[in-house]
N, C-alpha and C. Protein backbone atom coordinates (compact mmCIF):
# COMPACT_ATOMS: atom_id res chain seq x y z
N MET A 1 88.42 122.30 -24.09
CA MET A 1 88.11 121.62 -22.83
C MET A 1 88.94 120.24 -22.73
N HIS A 2 89.73 120.07 -21.78
CA HIS A 2 90.50 118.86 -21.71
C HIS A 2 89.58 117.58 -21.29
N LYS A 3 89.90 116.47 -21.82
CA LYS A 3 89.20 115.28 -21.44
C LYS A 3 90.06 114.59 -20.23
N ILE A 4 89.16 114.01 -19.41
CA ILE A 4 89.74 113.41 -18.23
C ILE A 4 89.98 111.92 -18.62
N LYS A 5 91.29 111.58 -18.30
CA LYS A 5 91.75 110.23 -18.61
C LYS A 5 91.07 109.25 -17.67
N GLY A 6 91.03 107.97 -18.18
CA GLY A 6 90.19 107.04 -17.59
C GLY A 6 90.74 106.82 -16.13
N SER A 7 92.07 106.67 -15.77
CA SER A 7 92.64 106.41 -14.51
C SER A 7 92.23 107.69 -13.68
N SER A 8 92.34 108.84 -14.19
CA SER A 8 92.13 110.00 -13.38
C SER A 8 90.64 110.12 -12.99
N LEU A 9 89.75 109.64 -13.96
CA LEU A 9 88.27 109.77 -13.61
C LEU A 9 88.00 108.72 -12.43
N ILE A 10 88.68 107.52 -12.50
CA ILE A 10 88.37 106.48 -11.48
C ILE A 10 88.80 107.01 -10.16
N PHE A 11 90.11 107.72 -10.08
CA PHE A 11 90.61 108.22 -8.97
C PHE A 11 89.74 109.34 -8.43
N PHE A 12 89.13 110.12 -9.31
CA PHE A 12 88.36 111.26 -8.88
C PHE A 12 87.00 110.71 -8.33
N LEU A 13 86.47 109.72 -8.83
CA LEU A 13 85.26 108.93 -8.31
C LEU A 13 85.42 108.34 -6.97
N ILE A 14 86.56 107.74 -6.86
CA ILE A 14 86.94 107.12 -5.48
C ILE A 14 86.96 108.18 -4.47
N ILE A 15 87.59 109.37 -4.79
CA ILE A 15 87.66 110.45 -3.68
C ILE A 15 86.24 110.96 -3.52
N LEU A 16 85.46 111.17 -4.45
CA LEU A 16 84.17 111.54 -4.31
C LEU A 16 83.29 110.78 -3.47
N LEU A 17 83.29 109.46 -3.69
CA LEU A 17 82.54 108.47 -2.97
C LEU A 17 83.02 108.41 -1.33
N TYR A 18 84.23 108.49 -1.21
CA TYR A 18 84.81 108.52 0.03
C TYR A 18 84.31 109.76 0.87
N SER A 19 84.13 110.97 0.17
CA SER A 19 83.77 112.15 0.77
C SER A 19 82.29 112.01 1.06
N LEU A 20 81.54 111.42 0.16
CA LEU A 20 80.09 111.19 0.48
C LEU A 20 79.76 110.17 1.61
N PHE A 21 80.36 108.97 1.51
CA PHE A 21 80.04 107.95 2.46
C PHE A 21 81.03 107.69 3.51
N GLY A 22 82.19 107.75 3.17
CA GLY A 22 83.32 107.40 4.21
C GLY A 22 83.57 108.57 5.13
N PHE A 23 82.61 109.05 5.90
CA PHE A 23 82.60 110.00 6.89
C PHE A 23 83.87 110.16 7.52
N LYS A 24 84.36 111.12 8.04
CA LYS A 24 85.66 111.13 8.82
C LYS A 24 85.27 110.55 10.04
N SER A 25 85.34 109.17 10.08
CA SER A 25 85.08 108.42 11.33
C SER A 25 86.35 107.92 11.99
N GLU A 26 86.05 107.37 13.13
CA GLU A 26 87.16 106.98 14.04
C GLU A 26 88.01 105.84 13.18
N LEU A 27 87.40 105.16 12.10
CA LEU A 27 88.29 104.17 11.43
C LEU A 27 89.45 104.69 10.93
N ALA A 28 89.33 106.06 10.33
CA ALA A 28 90.50 106.78 9.79
C ALA A 28 91.69 106.74 10.68
N TYR A 29 91.47 106.62 12.01
CA TYR A 29 92.63 106.77 12.92
C TYR A 29 93.25 105.38 13.33
N ARG A 30 92.66 104.39 12.76
CA ARG A 30 93.31 103.05 13.24
C ARG A 30 94.80 103.06 12.59
N GLY A 31 95.63 102.61 13.61
CA GLY A 31 97.10 102.64 13.35
C GLY A 31 97.71 103.93 13.44
N SER A 32 97.09 104.97 13.79
CA SER A 32 97.61 106.30 13.98
C SER A 32 97.95 106.63 15.37
N ASP A 33 99.05 107.39 15.65
CA ASP A 33 99.32 107.87 16.91
C ASP A 33 98.66 109.27 17.25
N GLU A 34 97.79 109.67 16.29
CA GLU A 34 97.12 111.01 16.63
C GLU A 34 96.08 110.79 17.67
N PRO A 35 96.02 111.71 18.73
CA PRO A 35 95.00 111.32 19.74
C PRO A 35 93.62 111.88 19.25
N ILE A 36 92.64 111.11 19.69
CA ILE A 36 91.19 111.50 19.60
C ILE A 36 90.69 111.74 21.05
N TYR A 37 89.83 112.71 21.03
CA TYR A 37 89.22 113.27 22.37
C TYR A 37 87.77 112.93 22.56
N TRP A 38 87.56 112.31 23.62
CA TRP A 38 86.05 112.05 23.95
C TRP A 38 85.65 112.81 25.05
N VAL A 39 84.77 113.76 24.75
CA VAL A 39 84.19 114.63 25.77
C VAL A 39 82.96 113.90 26.44
N VAL A 40 83.21 113.87 27.75
CA VAL A 40 82.09 113.19 28.56
C VAL A 40 81.00 114.18 28.81
N SER A 41 79.68 113.77 28.35
CA SER A 41 78.49 114.60 28.47
C SER A 41 77.81 114.49 29.77
N LYS A 42 76.93 115.30 30.11
CA LYS A 42 76.18 115.22 31.48
C LYS A 42 75.15 113.94 31.32
N GLN A 43 74.84 113.51 30.21
CA GLN A 43 73.91 112.41 30.18
C GLN A 43 74.53 111.06 30.47
N CYS A 44 75.26 110.88 31.55
CA CYS A 44 75.96 109.71 31.83
C CYS A 44 75.29 109.08 33.27
N VAL A 45 75.25 107.85 33.31
CA VAL A 45 74.58 107.08 34.36
C VAL A 45 75.47 106.11 34.98
N LEU A 46 75.51 106.08 36.38
CA LEU A 46 76.23 104.94 37.02
C LEU A 46 75.09 104.08 37.86
N LYS A 47 75.04 102.84 37.52
CA LYS A 47 74.03 101.92 38.19
C LYS A 47 74.62 100.85 38.98
N VAL A 48 74.16 100.62 40.20
CA VAL A 48 74.62 99.64 41.05
C VAL A 48 73.47 98.66 41.38
N ILE A 49 73.54 97.41 40.98
CA ILE A 49 72.57 96.48 41.15
C ILE A 49 72.99 95.25 42.11
N GLY A 50 72.26 95.24 43.35
CA GLY A 50 72.60 94.27 44.30
C GLY A 50 71.46 93.57 44.68
N SER A 51 71.81 92.69 45.84
CA SER A 51 70.55 92.00 46.37
C SER A 51 70.83 91.61 47.84
N THR A 52 69.70 91.37 48.51
CA THR A 52 69.77 90.86 49.97
C THR A 52 69.13 89.58 50.02
N ASN A 53 69.06 88.93 51.15
CA ASN A 53 68.41 87.65 51.32
C ASN A 53 67.04 87.64 51.07
N ILE A 54 66.36 88.92 50.96
CA ILE A 54 65.04 89.21 50.71
C ILE A 54 64.61 89.52 49.31
N ASN A 55 65.35 90.57 48.94
CA ASN A 55 64.97 91.11 47.48
C ASN A 55 66.17 91.72 46.80
N LYS A 56 65.94 92.31 45.68
CA LYS A 56 66.99 92.97 44.98
C LYS A 56 66.89 94.43 44.96
N PHE A 57 67.84 95.16 44.88
CA PHE A 57 67.79 96.55 44.79
C PHE A 57 68.70 97.22 43.70
N SER A 58 68.42 98.43 43.29
CA SER A 58 69.19 99.21 42.35
C SER A 58 69.38 100.55 42.76
N CYS A 59 70.62 101.09 42.68
CA CYS A 59 70.83 102.46 43.06
C CYS A 59 71.64 103.22 41.85
N THR A 60 71.38 104.25 41.76
CA THR A 60 71.95 105.12 40.57
C THR A 60 72.51 106.49 40.84
N ILE A 61 73.33 106.86 40.18
CA ILE A 61 73.78 108.34 40.04
C ILE A 61 73.39 108.72 38.67
N LEU A 62 72.33 109.55 38.51
CA LEU A 62 71.70 109.69 37.15
C LEU A 62 72.29 110.89 36.32
N GLU A 63 73.12 111.68 36.89
CA GLU A 63 73.69 112.67 35.96
C GLU A 63 75.15 113.08 36.41
N TYR A 64 75.90 113.21 35.36
CA TYR A 64 77.31 113.42 35.73
C TYR A 64 77.53 114.97 35.23
N VAL A 65 77.91 115.82 36.27
CA VAL A 65 77.71 117.08 36.01
C VAL A 65 79.13 117.90 35.69
N GLN A 66 80.25 117.13 35.99
CA GLN A 66 81.58 117.71 35.72
C GLN A 66 82.16 117.36 34.32
N PRO A 67 82.32 118.34 33.50
CA PRO A 67 82.90 118.00 32.22
C PRO A 67 84.18 117.46 32.24
N ASP A 68 84.42 116.40 31.47
CA ASP A 68 85.87 115.84 31.35
C ASP A 68 86.06 115.38 30.10
N THR A 69 87.41 115.13 29.70
CA THR A 69 87.75 114.71 28.34
C THR A 69 88.59 113.46 28.55
N LEU A 70 88.39 112.53 27.82
CA LEU A 70 89.21 111.22 27.88
C LEU A 70 89.97 111.26 26.53
N THR A 71 91.25 110.93 26.57
CA THR A 71 92.16 111.03 25.33
C THR A 71 92.35 109.43 25.07
N VAL A 72 92.15 109.31 23.63
CA VAL A 72 92.18 107.84 23.26
C VAL A 72 93.41 107.89 22.13
N ILE A 73 94.25 106.93 22.15
CA ILE A 73 95.45 106.94 21.05
C ILE A 73 95.79 105.50 20.89
N LYS A 74 95.93 105.15 19.64
CA LYS A 74 96.32 103.90 19.15
C LYS A 74 97.81 104.04 18.56
N ILE A 75 98.62 103.21 19.22
CA ILE A 75 100.16 103.40 18.73
C ILE A 75 100.51 102.54 17.54
N SER A 76 99.93 101.35 17.63
CA SER A 76 100.10 100.32 16.45
C SER A 76 99.06 99.36 16.40
N LYS A 77 98.92 98.61 15.39
CA LYS A 77 97.95 97.63 15.29
C LYS A 77 98.19 96.48 16.41
N GLN A 78 99.33 96.24 16.74
CA GLN A 78 99.66 95.25 17.69
C GLN A 78 99.23 95.53 19.15
N GLN A 79 99.03 96.69 19.45
CA GLN A 79 98.87 97.30 20.86
C GLN A 79 97.53 97.61 21.05
N ARG A 80 97.06 97.56 22.40
CA ARG A 80 95.80 98.04 22.72
C ARG A 80 95.67 99.49 22.62
N ILE A 81 94.48 100.00 22.68
CA ILE A 81 94.25 101.35 22.57
C ILE A 81 94.59 102.06 23.91
N LYS A 82 95.37 102.97 24.09
CA LYS A 82 95.80 103.62 25.28
C LYS A 82 94.74 104.81 25.56
N MET A 83 94.37 104.87 26.78
CA MET A 83 93.56 105.93 27.22
C MET A 83 93.97 106.61 28.46
N THR A 84 93.65 107.89 28.55
CA THR A 84 93.94 108.69 29.78
C THR A 84 92.74 109.40 30.09
N GLY A 85 92.56 109.66 31.29
CA GLY A 85 91.49 110.48 31.67
C GLY A 85 90.67 109.79 32.67
N SER A 86 89.74 110.51 33.40
CA SER A 86 88.93 109.77 34.50
C SER A 86 87.69 110.62 34.74
N ILE A 87 86.77 110.00 35.44
CA ILE A 87 85.47 110.71 35.84
C ILE A 87 85.35 110.68 37.35
N LEU A 88 84.99 111.71 37.85
CA LEU A 88 84.60 111.68 39.42
C LEU A 88 83.13 111.80 39.65
N LEU A 89 82.71 110.96 40.50
CA LEU A 89 81.23 110.86 40.83
C LEU A 89 81.11 111.13 42.35
N ASN A 90 79.85 111.84 42.74
CA ASN A 90 79.72 112.01 44.17
C ASN A 90 78.78 110.79 44.66
N VAL A 91 79.49 110.22 45.66
CA VAL A 91 78.89 109.03 46.23
C VAL A 91 77.57 109.41 46.96
N GLN A 92 77.61 110.63 47.33
CA GLN A 92 76.39 111.06 48.06
C GLN A 92 75.14 111.27 47.16
N ASN A 93 75.40 111.08 45.84
CA ASN A 93 74.36 111.24 44.71
C ASN A 93 73.73 109.97 44.44
N PHE A 94 74.19 108.89 45.03
CA PHE A 94 73.48 107.61 44.84
C PHE A 94 72.03 107.64 45.38
N ASP A 95 71.09 107.15 44.54
CA ASP A 95 69.67 107.09 44.92
C ASP A 95 69.21 105.75 44.69
N CYS A 96 68.60 105.06 45.71
CA CYS A 96 68.16 103.65 45.70
C CYS A 96 66.66 103.76 45.47
N LYS A 97 65.91 104.91 45.53
CA LYS A 97 64.55 105.10 45.53
C LYS A 97 63.87 104.52 46.81
N ASN A 98 64.68 104.36 47.84
CA ASN A 98 64.20 103.95 49.18
C ASN A 98 65.14 104.68 50.07
N ALA A 99 64.70 105.62 50.83
CA ALA A 99 65.45 106.44 51.77
C ALA A 99 66.31 105.55 52.84
N MET A 100 65.78 104.46 53.39
CA MET A 100 66.69 103.60 54.18
C MET A 100 67.82 102.88 53.39
N MET A 101 67.51 102.35 52.22
CA MET A 101 68.55 101.72 51.40
C MET A 101 69.59 102.62 50.91
N THR A 102 69.03 103.90 50.56
CA THR A 102 70.02 104.93 50.02
C THR A 102 70.94 105.39 51.19
N ASN A 103 70.47 105.58 52.41
CA ASN A 103 71.27 106.04 53.49
C ASN A 103 72.34 104.77 53.78
N ASP A 104 71.83 103.57 53.80
CA ASP A 104 72.64 102.39 54.09
C ASP A 104 73.76 102.49 53.12
N LEU A 105 73.58 102.59 51.83
CA LEU A 105 74.54 102.38 50.82
C LEU A 105 75.59 103.52 50.92
N ARG A 106 75.26 104.82 51.12
CA ARG A 106 76.02 105.95 51.26
C ARG A 106 77.01 105.74 52.46
N LYS A 107 76.37 105.28 53.61
CA LYS A 107 77.13 104.89 54.71
C LYS A 107 78.05 103.81 54.62
N THR A 108 77.73 102.83 53.92
CA THR A 108 78.60 101.67 53.63
C THR A 108 79.73 102.08 52.83
N LEU A 109 79.49 102.80 51.76
CA LEU A 109 80.57 103.36 50.92
C LEU A 109 81.36 104.60 51.36
N LYS A 110 81.13 104.76 52.70
CA LYS A 110 81.96 105.86 53.45
C LYS A 110 81.86 107.15 52.78
N ALA A 111 80.68 107.53 52.32
CA ALA A 111 80.53 108.75 51.67
C ALA A 111 81.04 110.06 52.34
N LYS A 112 81.05 110.19 53.66
CA LYS A 112 81.62 111.32 54.32
C LYS A 112 82.97 111.35 54.34
N GLN A 113 83.54 110.28 54.53
CA GLN A 113 85.02 110.03 54.69
C GLN A 113 85.68 110.25 53.12
N TYR A 114 85.09 109.49 52.36
CA TYR A 114 85.54 109.46 50.82
C TYR A 114 84.37 109.77 49.91
N PRO A 115 84.22 111.12 49.70
CA PRO A 115 83.01 111.44 48.99
C PRO A 115 82.96 111.32 47.51
N LYS A 116 84.12 111.00 46.95
CA LYS A 116 84.18 110.77 45.42
C LYS A 116 84.53 109.38 45.14
N LEU A 117 83.88 108.92 44.05
CA LEU A 117 84.06 107.56 43.30
C LEU A 117 84.82 108.09 42.08
N LYS A 118 86.09 107.49 41.81
CA LYS A 118 86.79 107.86 40.70
C LYS A 118 86.89 106.72 39.76
N ILE A 119 86.71 106.78 38.55
CA ILE A 119 86.89 105.76 37.52
C ILE A 119 87.97 106.34 36.42
N THR A 120 89.15 105.79 36.54
CA THR A 120 90.31 106.09 35.60
C THR A 120 90.29 105.07 34.57
N PHE A 121 90.25 105.52 33.30
CA PHE A 121 90.16 104.60 32.04
C PHE A 121 91.69 104.43 31.55
N GLU A 122 92.02 103.23 31.54
CA GLU A 122 93.46 102.80 31.12
C GLU A 122 93.69 102.47 29.61
N ASP A 123 92.68 101.62 29.13
CA ASP A 123 92.94 101.22 27.85
C ASP A 123 91.59 100.57 27.25
N LEU A 124 91.72 100.15 25.88
CA LEU A 124 90.73 99.44 25.26
C LEU A 124 91.26 98.34 24.40
N SER A 125 90.58 97.29 24.19
CA SER A 125 91.12 96.29 23.29
C SER A 125 91.17 96.55 21.84
N GLU A 126 90.20 97.45 21.52
CA GLU A 126 90.29 98.05 20.11
C GLU A 126 89.44 99.33 20.08
N TYR A 127 89.59 100.11 19.05
CA TYR A 127 88.67 101.19 18.88
C TYR A 127 87.29 100.82 18.40
N PRO A 128 86.25 101.45 19.03
CA PRO A 128 84.84 101.15 18.50
C PRO A 128 84.84 101.43 17.11
N ASP A 129 84.05 100.36 16.37
CA ASP A 129 84.00 100.46 14.91
C ASP A 129 82.57 100.49 14.53
N PRO A 130 81.98 101.49 13.94
CA PRO A 130 80.63 101.62 13.56
C PRO A 130 80.11 100.53 12.58
N ASN A 131 81.05 99.84 11.99
CA ASN A 131 80.58 98.79 11.09
C ASN A 131 80.76 97.36 11.58
N ASP A 132 80.98 97.41 12.83
CA ASP A 132 81.13 96.10 13.59
C ASP A 132 79.78 95.76 14.28
N LEU A 133 79.06 94.76 13.70
CA LEU A 133 77.64 94.49 14.16
C LEU A 133 77.76 93.84 15.69
N LYS A 134 78.73 93.38 16.02
CA LYS A 134 78.87 92.80 17.59
C LYS A 134 78.84 93.94 18.51
N ALA A 135 79.55 95.02 18.08
CA ALA A 135 79.63 96.24 18.88
C ALA A 135 80.11 95.90 20.38
N LYS A 136 81.04 95.02 20.58
CA LYS A 136 81.57 94.60 21.72
C LYS A 136 83.10 94.82 21.76
N ILE A 137 83.58 95.40 23.01
CA ILE A 137 85.08 95.59 23.16
C ILE A 137 85.29 95.35 24.60
N THR A 138 86.49 95.18 25.06
CA THR A 138 86.80 95.23 26.46
C THR A 138 87.75 96.38 26.75
N GLY A 139 87.97 96.65 28.22
CA GLY A 139 88.77 97.74 28.55
C GLY A 139 89.28 97.59 29.96
N ARG A 140 90.20 98.33 30.32
CA ARG A 140 90.76 98.18 31.72
C ARG A 140 90.49 99.45 32.44
N VAL A 141 89.89 99.49 33.56
CA VAL A 141 89.78 100.82 34.35
C VAL A 141 90.23 100.55 35.74
N THR A 142 90.59 101.66 36.39
CA THR A 142 90.98 101.66 37.85
C THR A 142 89.92 102.32 38.58
N ILE A 143 89.41 101.69 39.74
CA ILE A 143 88.39 102.39 40.41
C ILE A 143 88.85 102.70 41.75
N HIS A 144 88.59 104.00 42.21
CA HIS A 144 89.12 104.44 43.57
C HIS A 144 87.75 104.70 44.41
N LEU A 145 87.65 103.83 45.41
CA LEU A 145 86.36 103.94 46.13
C LEU A 145 86.64 103.69 47.56
N ALA A 146 86.00 104.37 48.57
CA ALA A 146 86.22 104.18 50.02
C ALA A 146 87.73 103.99 50.47
N GLY A 147 88.52 104.85 49.81
CA GLY A 147 89.93 104.77 50.14
C GLY A 147 90.79 103.57 49.62
N VAL A 148 90.18 102.70 48.77
CA VAL A 148 90.87 101.55 48.06
C VAL A 148 90.74 101.78 46.69
N ILE A 149 91.97 101.26 46.03
CA ILE A 149 92.10 101.37 44.66
C ILE A 149 92.19 99.94 43.99
N LYS A 150 91.39 99.59 43.04
CA LYS A 150 91.28 98.36 42.36
C LYS A 150 91.29 98.52 40.86
N GLN A 151 91.78 97.61 40.20
CA GLN A 151 91.77 97.64 38.76
C GLN A 151 91.01 96.40 38.19
N TYR A 152 90.19 96.66 37.18
CA TYR A 152 89.29 95.72 36.61
C TYR A 152 89.34 95.61 35.19
N ASP A 153 89.00 94.46 34.69
CA ASP A 153 88.70 94.47 33.07
C ASP A 153 87.32 94.62 32.87
N ILE A 154 86.84 95.43 31.91
CA ILE A 154 85.45 95.75 31.76
C ILE A 154 84.96 95.30 30.44
N ASP A 155 83.79 94.88 30.37
CA ASP A 155 83.17 94.47 29.14
C ASP A 155 82.31 95.59 28.63
N TYR A 156 82.51 96.00 27.39
CA TYR A 156 81.66 97.27 26.89
C TYR A 156 80.79 96.81 25.72
N HIS A 157 79.59 97.40 25.71
CA HIS A 157 78.71 97.45 24.45
C HIS A 157 78.83 99.03 23.98
N TYR A 158 78.72 99.13 22.76
CA TYR A 158 78.74 100.54 22.27
C TYR A 158 77.80 100.89 21.05
N LYS A 159 77.34 101.96 20.81
CA LYS A 159 76.59 102.29 19.78
C LYS A 159 76.96 103.88 19.23
N PHE A 160 76.85 103.99 17.96
CA PHE A 160 77.11 105.40 17.50
C PHE A 160 75.86 106.15 17.17
N SER A 161 75.86 107.51 17.48
CA SER A 161 74.70 108.26 17.13
C SER A 161 74.73 108.63 15.73
N ALA A 162 73.64 109.35 15.31
CA ALA A 162 73.63 109.86 13.93
C ALA A 162 74.82 110.93 13.59
N ASP A 163 75.31 111.49 14.63
CA ASP A 163 76.39 112.54 14.46
C ASP A 163 77.62 111.88 14.73
N HIS A 164 77.74 110.51 14.87
CA HIS A 164 78.96 109.81 14.93
C HIS A 164 79.60 109.97 16.39
N ASN A 165 78.79 110.39 17.40
CA ASN A 165 79.35 110.27 18.71
C ASN A 165 79.01 108.88 19.26
N ILE A 166 79.53 108.61 20.42
CA ILE A 166 79.58 107.25 20.99
C ILE A 166 78.85 107.18 22.35
N CYS A 167 77.93 106.11 22.44
CA CYS A 167 77.48 105.71 23.62
C CYS A 167 78.20 104.41 24.16
N LEU A 168 78.96 104.56 25.20
CA LEU A 168 79.81 103.40 25.71
C LEU A 168 79.13 102.86 27.11
N ILE A 169 78.89 101.61 27.10
CA ILE A 169 78.17 101.08 28.17
C ILE A 169 78.97 100.00 28.88
N GLY A 170 79.64 100.12 30.02
CA GLY A 170 80.38 99.24 30.69
C GLY A 170 79.76 98.39 31.68
N ASN A 171 80.11 97.22 31.83
CA ASN A 171 79.55 96.32 32.80
C ASN A 171 80.56 95.48 33.46
N LYS A 172 80.44 95.35 34.97
CA LYS A 172 81.49 94.57 35.64
C LYS A 172 80.76 94.05 36.98
N GLU A 173 80.92 92.77 37.31
CA GLU A 173 80.53 92.35 38.65
C GLU A 173 81.64 92.38 39.64
N LEU A 174 81.44 93.19 40.78
CA LEU A 174 82.53 93.22 41.78
C LEU A 174 81.85 92.96 43.19
N ASN A 175 82.69 92.92 44.13
CA ASN A 175 82.31 92.64 45.42
C ASN A 175 82.49 93.89 46.38
N PHE A 176 81.72 94.01 47.49
CA PHE A 176 81.88 94.97 48.40
C PHE A 176 83.26 94.84 49.10
N SER A 177 83.58 93.38 49.30
CA SER A 177 84.86 93.01 49.97
C SER A 177 86.15 93.40 49.14
N ASP A 178 85.98 93.74 47.88
CA ASP A 178 87.10 94.08 47.08
C ASP A 178 87.75 95.48 47.61
N PHE A 179 86.78 96.21 48.31
CA PHE A 179 87.22 97.47 48.71
C PHE A 179 87.20 97.58 50.36
N HIS A 180 87.38 96.34 50.88
CA HIS A 180 87.40 96.15 52.28
C HIS A 180 86.26 96.61 53.07
N ILE A 181 85.03 96.45 52.29
CA ILE A 181 83.62 97.01 52.91
C ILE A 181 82.90 95.68 53.28
N ASP A 182 82.22 95.98 54.47
CA ASP A 182 81.26 94.84 54.96
C ASP A 182 79.92 95.27 54.41
N PRO A 183 79.25 94.31 53.55
CA PRO A 183 77.87 94.58 53.13
C PRO A 183 76.91 95.02 54.18
N PRO A 184 76.02 96.05 53.98
CA PRO A 184 75.18 96.42 54.93
C PRO A 184 74.18 95.39 55.45
N LYS A 185 73.70 95.53 56.82
CA LYS A 185 72.77 94.61 57.41
C LYS A 185 71.78 95.42 58.14
N ARG A 186 70.57 94.81 58.29
CA ARG A 186 69.42 95.48 58.84
C ARG A 186 68.67 94.51 59.90
N LEU A 187 67.97 95.03 60.73
CA LEU A 187 67.27 94.32 61.72
C LEU A 187 67.96 93.29 62.49
N GLY A 188 69.18 93.72 63.03
CA GLY A 188 70.06 92.79 63.81
C GLY A 188 70.64 91.64 62.92
N GLY A 189 70.85 91.81 61.67
CA GLY A 189 71.45 90.85 60.70
C GLY A 189 70.44 90.05 60.20
N MET A 190 69.19 90.28 60.38
CA MET A 190 68.10 89.46 59.73
C MET A 190 68.11 89.75 58.23
N ILE A 191 68.28 90.96 57.90
CA ILE A 191 68.41 91.35 56.38
C ILE A 191 69.87 91.58 56.00
N LYS A 192 70.39 90.78 55.12
CA LYS A 192 71.77 90.79 54.92
C LYS A 192 71.84 91.15 53.43
N THR A 193 72.86 92.02 53.16
CA THR A 193 73.16 92.42 51.61
C THR A 193 74.22 91.42 51.16
N ASN A 194 73.95 90.91 50.06
CA ASN A 194 74.92 89.93 49.46
C ASN A 194 76.23 90.71 49.00
N ASN A 195 77.30 89.99 49.00
CA ASN A 195 78.68 90.67 48.72
C ASN A 195 78.80 91.08 47.28
N SER A 196 78.25 90.51 46.31
CA SER A 196 78.48 90.77 44.96
C SER A 196 77.54 91.97 44.47
N LEU A 197 78.06 92.71 43.65
CA LEU A 197 77.42 93.81 42.99
C LEU A 197 77.50 93.82 41.50
N ASN A 198 76.63 94.25 40.79
CA ASN A 198 76.87 94.44 39.21
C ASN A 198 76.82 95.97 39.09
N VAL A 199 77.88 96.49 38.52
CA VAL A 199 78.11 97.85 38.29
C VAL A 199 77.99 98.13 36.74
N GLU A 200 77.14 99.07 36.25
CA GLU A 200 77.02 99.28 34.88
C GLU A 200 77.05 100.89 34.83
N PHE A 201 77.92 101.38 33.97
CA PHE A 201 77.96 102.81 33.73
C PHE A 201 77.79 103.13 32.27
N THR A 202 77.08 104.10 31.94
CA THR A 202 76.86 104.63 30.55
C THR A 202 77.56 105.94 30.36
N LEU A 203 78.33 105.99 29.35
CA LEU A 203 79.08 107.23 29.03
C LEU A 203 78.56 107.67 27.67
N ASN A 204 78.15 108.79 27.45
CA ASN A 204 77.70 109.49 26.31
C ASN A 204 78.81 110.45 25.98
N LEU A 205 79.53 110.23 24.75
CA LEU A 205 80.91 110.68 24.44
C LEU A 205 80.79 111.44 23.08
N LYS A 206 81.09 112.81 23.29
CA LYS A 206 81.26 113.49 22.04
C LYS A 206 82.65 113.38 21.47
N VAL A 207 82.73 113.00 20.21
CA VAL A 207 84.06 112.67 19.66
C VAL A 207 84.51 113.88 19.00
N LEU A 208 85.93 114.39 19.39
CA LEU A 208 86.42 115.51 18.77
C LEU A 208 87.48 115.07 18.02
N GLN A 209 87.71 115.34 16.82
CA GLN A 209 88.77 114.81 15.81
C GLN A 209 89.67 115.95 15.24
């Protein structure tokens, strides 16, 4: 029986440890031009938080039913992460837990004329790192709403599941006026909705490698 030389044994142990603990994670793709595919699951939520001169309100689309895949690719260490792909949401599915407010928001967003809200993902500042305790990155998206197209920089928080899939939470403050929309009013203008909105979307993504 042949003896394993010291250098060979060390190399063997390194490979073994990598196999056991260095799971085939996204980190392996840093600096690679090989695409990674993120499948958007149904458990995705879009939330809009706004306020009037009287109170605050929150409206949500609770389920994303159309399966889509986002493609993520890093060209080099000096460049941002390129993304392609988008999600389509039915504006008519917004629910504010108040029939009057729900109807006002859908009407304000011109749901009948423009029934879809589209979010196209352009890039990321870096690939999510399961070992980064900050778990924060930024990204650029293009939003198609009420017949208007606007691009925004988004702040993201993220977390990995036990099976190494990703929950990506994006947050951005924007205005009705960005999309040439007048905020809804009630009771002859006595109740006025403020122009600014906080938009938060949660994407649960299955990573295909």
